[in-house]
Amino acid sequence: MHFRPLHDRVVIRRIESEEKTAGGIIIPDTAKEKPQEGEVVSVGPGARGEDGKLHPLDVKAGDRVLFGKWSGTEVKLDGEELIIMKESDIMGVIEGKPKAAKKVA
């Protein structure tokens, strides 16, 4: 099944955080917070301005983004948990490669 969001909505897949701390302690699932970072899966065509023109979104499929802890609506599509939210709920796009974890001597 293919899902296409409408207007200025965005579909996001959460990116899971590390299961270990820098000191090597394993964090159990019950103590983990939901990650606030995700990958954009799909975007709508854009929002209509007061002038009636379509304004395209700033994010695109494949972007890594940060969003608010309680943003969006969680849905399950084809067995995968996704979040649907408005583009305005996204705080920003993470650019560049993710940093590698620092080694502790």
C-alpha atoms as a PDB file:
ATOM      1  CA  MET A   1       0.000   0.000   0.000  1.00  0.00           C
ATOM      2  CA  HIS A   2       1.220   3.473  -0.828  1.00  0.00           C
ATOM      3  CA  PHE A   3       0.177   6.413   1.379  1.00  0.00           C
ATOM      4  CA  ARG A   4       0.256   9.992   0.047  1.00  0.00           C
ATOM      5  CA  PRO A   5      -0.206  12.739   2.660  1.00  0.00           C
ATOM      6  CA  LEU A   6      -2.397  15.713   1.810  1.00  0.00           C
ATOM      7  CA  HIS A   7      -1.605  19.444   1.917  1.00  0.00           C
ATOM      8  CA  ASP A   8       1.299  20.313   4.251  1.00  0.00           C
ATOM      9  CA  ARG A   9       1.436  16.966   6.046  1.00  0.00           C
ATOM     10  CA  VAL A  10       4.569  14.822   6.303  1.00  0.00           C
ATOM     11  CA  VAL A  11       5.010  11.084   7.056  1.00  0.00           C
ATOM     12  CA  ILE A  12       7.984  10.331   9.333  1.00  0.00           C
ATOM     13  CA  ARG A  13       9.695   7.112  10.454  1.00  0.00           C
ATOM     14  CA  ARG A  14      11.311   7.406  13.893  1.00  0.00           C
ATOM     15  CA  ILE A  15      15.050   6.743  14.064  1.00  0.00           C
ATOM     16  CA  GLU A  16      15.809   4.606  17.096  1.00  0.00           C
ATOM     17  CA  SER A  17      18.436   5.873  19.523  1.00  0.00           C
ATOM     18  CA  GLU A  18      21.366   3.891  20.899  1.00  0.00           C
ATOM     19  CA  GLU A  19      20.509   1.140  23.356  1.00  0.00           C
ATOM     20  CA  LYS A  20      23.742   1.729  25.312  1.00  0.00           C
ATOM     21  CA  THR A  21      25.044   4.778  27.130  1.00  0.00           C
ATOM     22  CA  ALA A  22      28.578   6.079  26.550  1.00  0.00           C
ATOM     23  CA  GLY A  23      29.647   4.112  29.650  1.00  0.00           C
ATOM     24  CA  GLY A  24      28.306   0.846  28.183  1.00  0.00           C
ATOM     25  CA  ILE A  25      25.151   0.591  30.293  1.00  0.00           C
ATOM     26  CA  ILE A  26      22.290  -1.034  28.369  1.00  0.00           C
ATOM     27  CA  ILE A  27      19.046   0.951  28.575  1.00  0.00           C
ATOM     28  CA  PRO A  28      15.915  -1.236  28.917  1.00  0.00           C
ATOM     29  CA  ASP A  29      12.959  -0.557  26.617  1.00  0.00           C
ATOM     30  CA  THR A  30      10.805   0.606  29.526  1.00  0.00           C
ATOM     31  CA  ALA A  31      13.269   3.384  30.431  1.00  0.00           C
ATOM     32  CA  LYS A  32      13.816   4.673  26.896  1.00  0.00           C
ATOM     33  CA  GLU A  33      12.176   7.861  25.717  1.00  0.00           C
ATOM     34  CA  LYS A  34      10.681   7.979  22.258  1.00  0.00           C
ATOM     35  CA  PRO A  35      13.197   9.462  19.834  1.00  0.00           C
ATOM     36  CA  GLN A  36      12.480  12.948  18.530  1.00  0.00           C
ATOM     37  CA  GLU A  37      14.470  12.341  15.380  1.00  0.00           C
ATOM     38  CA  GLY A  38      13.158  10.750  12.235  1.00  0.00           C
ATOM     39  CA  GLU A  39      13.418  10.277   8.509  1.00  0.00           C
ATOM     40  CA  VAL A  40      10.870  11.808   6.156  1.00  0.00           C
ATOM     41  CA  VAL A  41       9.133   9.020   4.224  1.00  0.00           C
ATOM     42  CA  SER A  42       6.644  11.058   2.198  1.00  0.00           C
ATOM     43  CA  VAL A  43       5.434  14.660   1.892  1.00  0.00           C
ATOM     44  CA  GLY A  44       2.246  16.283   0.675  1.00  0.00           C
ATOM     45  CA  PRO A  45       2.127  18.688  -2.267  1.00  0.00           C
ATOM     46  CA  GLY A  46       2.184  21.807  -0.070  1.00  0.00           C
ATOM     47  CA  ALA A  47      -0.075  24.312   1.603  1.00  0.00           C
ATOM     48  CA  ARG A  48      -2.341  26.766  -0.167  1.00  0.00           C
ATOM     49  CA  GLY A  49      -1.720  30.382   0.722  1.00  0.00           C
ATOM     50  CA  GLU A  50      -4.393  33.046   1.039  1.00  0.00           C
ATOM     51  CA  ASP A  51      -3.693  33.924  -2.581  1.00  0.00           C
ATOM     52  CA  GLY A  52      -4.745  30.390  -3.589  1.00  0.00           C
ATOM     53  CA  LYS A  53      -1.267  29.434  -4.818  1.00  0.00           C
ATOM     54  CA  LEU A  54       0.372  26.172  -3.777  1.00  0.00           C
ATOM     55  CA  HIS A  55       3.480  26.715  -1.612  1.00  0.00           C
ATOM     56  CA  PRO A  56       5.762  23.639  -1.719  1.00  0.00           C
ATOM     57  CA  LEU A  57       7.211  22.187   1.498  1.00  0.00           C
ATOM     58  CA  ASP A  58      10.801  22.744   2.641  1.00  0.00           C
ATOM     59  CA  VAL A  59      11.363  19.082   3.550  1.00  0.00           C
ATOM     60  CA  LYS A  60      11.588  16.167   1.132  1.00  0.00           C
ATOM     61  CA  ALA A  61      11.622  12.384   1.380  1.00  0.00           C
ATOM     62  CA  GLY A  62      14.899  11.139   2.877  1.00  0.00           C
ATOM     63  CA  ASP A  63      15.566  14.215   5.076  1.00  0.00           C
ATOM     64  CA  ARG A  64      16.511  13.591   8.739  1.00  0.00           C
ATOM     65  CA  VAL A  65      14.462  15.898  10.952  1.00  0.00           C
ATOM     66  CA  LEU A  66      13.882  16.838  14.591  1.00  0.00           C
ATOM     67  CA  PHE A  67      10.331  17.213  15.863  1.00  0.00           C
ATOM     68  CA  GLY A  68       8.542  17.891  19.133  1.00  0.00           C
ATOM     69  CA  LYS A  69       8.025  15.125  21.688  1.00  0.00           C
ATOM     70  CA  TRP A  70       4.231  15.145  21.350  1.00  0.00           C
ATOM     71  CA  SER A  71       4.027  16.119  17.657  1.00  0.00           C
ATOM     72  CA  GLY A  72       1.908  14.335  15.101  1.00  0.00           C
ATOM     73  CA  THR A  73      -0.349  11.315  15.075  1.00  0.00           C
ATOM     74  CA  GLU A  74       1.088   7.811  15.318  1.00  0.00           C
ATOM     75  CA  VAL A  75      -0.281   5.350  12.752  1.00  0.00           C
ATOM     76  CA  LYS A  76       0.536   1.826  11.643  1.00  0.00           C
ATOM     77  CA  LEU A  77       0.749   1.275   7.868  1.00  0.00           C
ATOM     78  CA  ASP A  78       1.724  -2.132   6.442  1.00  0.00           C
ATOM     79  CA  GLY A  79       2.905  -3.165   9.926  1.00  0.00           C
ATOM     80  CA  GLU A  80       5.281  -0.192  10.253  1.00  0.00           C
ATOM     81  CA  GLU A  81       4.814   2.494  12.898  1.00  0.00           C
ATOM     82  CA  LEU A  82       4.896   5.962  11.349  1.00  0.00           C
ATOM     83  CA  ILE A  83       3.997   9.508  12.392  1.00  0.00           C
ATOM     84  CA  ILE A  84       1.902  11.933  10.355  1.00  0.00           C
ATOM     85  CA  MET A  85       2.409  15.600  11.232  1.00  0.00           C
ATOM     86  CA  LYS A  86       2.218  19.052   9.722  1.00  0.00           C
ATOM     87  CA  GLU A  87       5.433  20.528   8.414  1.00  0.00           C
ATOM     88  CA  SER A  88       5.143  23.308  11.014  1.00  0.00           C
ATOM     89  CA  ASP A  89       5.643  20.669  13.777  1.00  0.00           C
ATOM     90  CA  ILE A  90       9.129  19.918  12.429  1.00  0.00           C
ATOM     91  CA  MET A  91      11.828  21.950  14.200  1.00  0.00           C
ATOM     92  CA  GLY A  92      14.552  21.509  11.615  1.00  0.00           C
ATOM     93  CA  VAL A  93      16.471  19.341   9.167  1.00  0.00           C
ATOM     94  CA  ILE A  94      19.663  17.605  10.311  1.00  0.00           C
ATOM     95  CA  GLU A  95      22.299  18.056   7.627  1.00  0.00           C
ATOM     96  CA  GLY A  96      25.493  16.077   7.141  1.00  0.00           C
ATOM     97  CA  LYS A  97      26.419  12.636   8.418  1.00  0.00           C
ATOM     98  CA  PRO A  98      25.565  11.608  11.987  1.00  0.00           C
ATOM     99  CA  LYS A  99      28.484  11.988  14.397  1.00  0.00           C
ATOM    100  CA  ALA A 100      30.234   8.837  15.535  1.00  0.00           C
ATOM    101  CA  ALA A 101      30.166   8.100  19.230  1.00  0.00           C
ATOM    102  CA  LYS A 102      33.196   9.379  21.126  1.00  0.00           C
ATOM    103  CA  LYS A 103      35.473   6.765  22.635  1.00  0.00           C
ATOM    104  CA  VAL A 104      36.111   7.037  26.341  1.00  0.00           C
ATOM    105  CA  ALA A 105      39.695   6.294  27.369  1.00  0.00           C
END
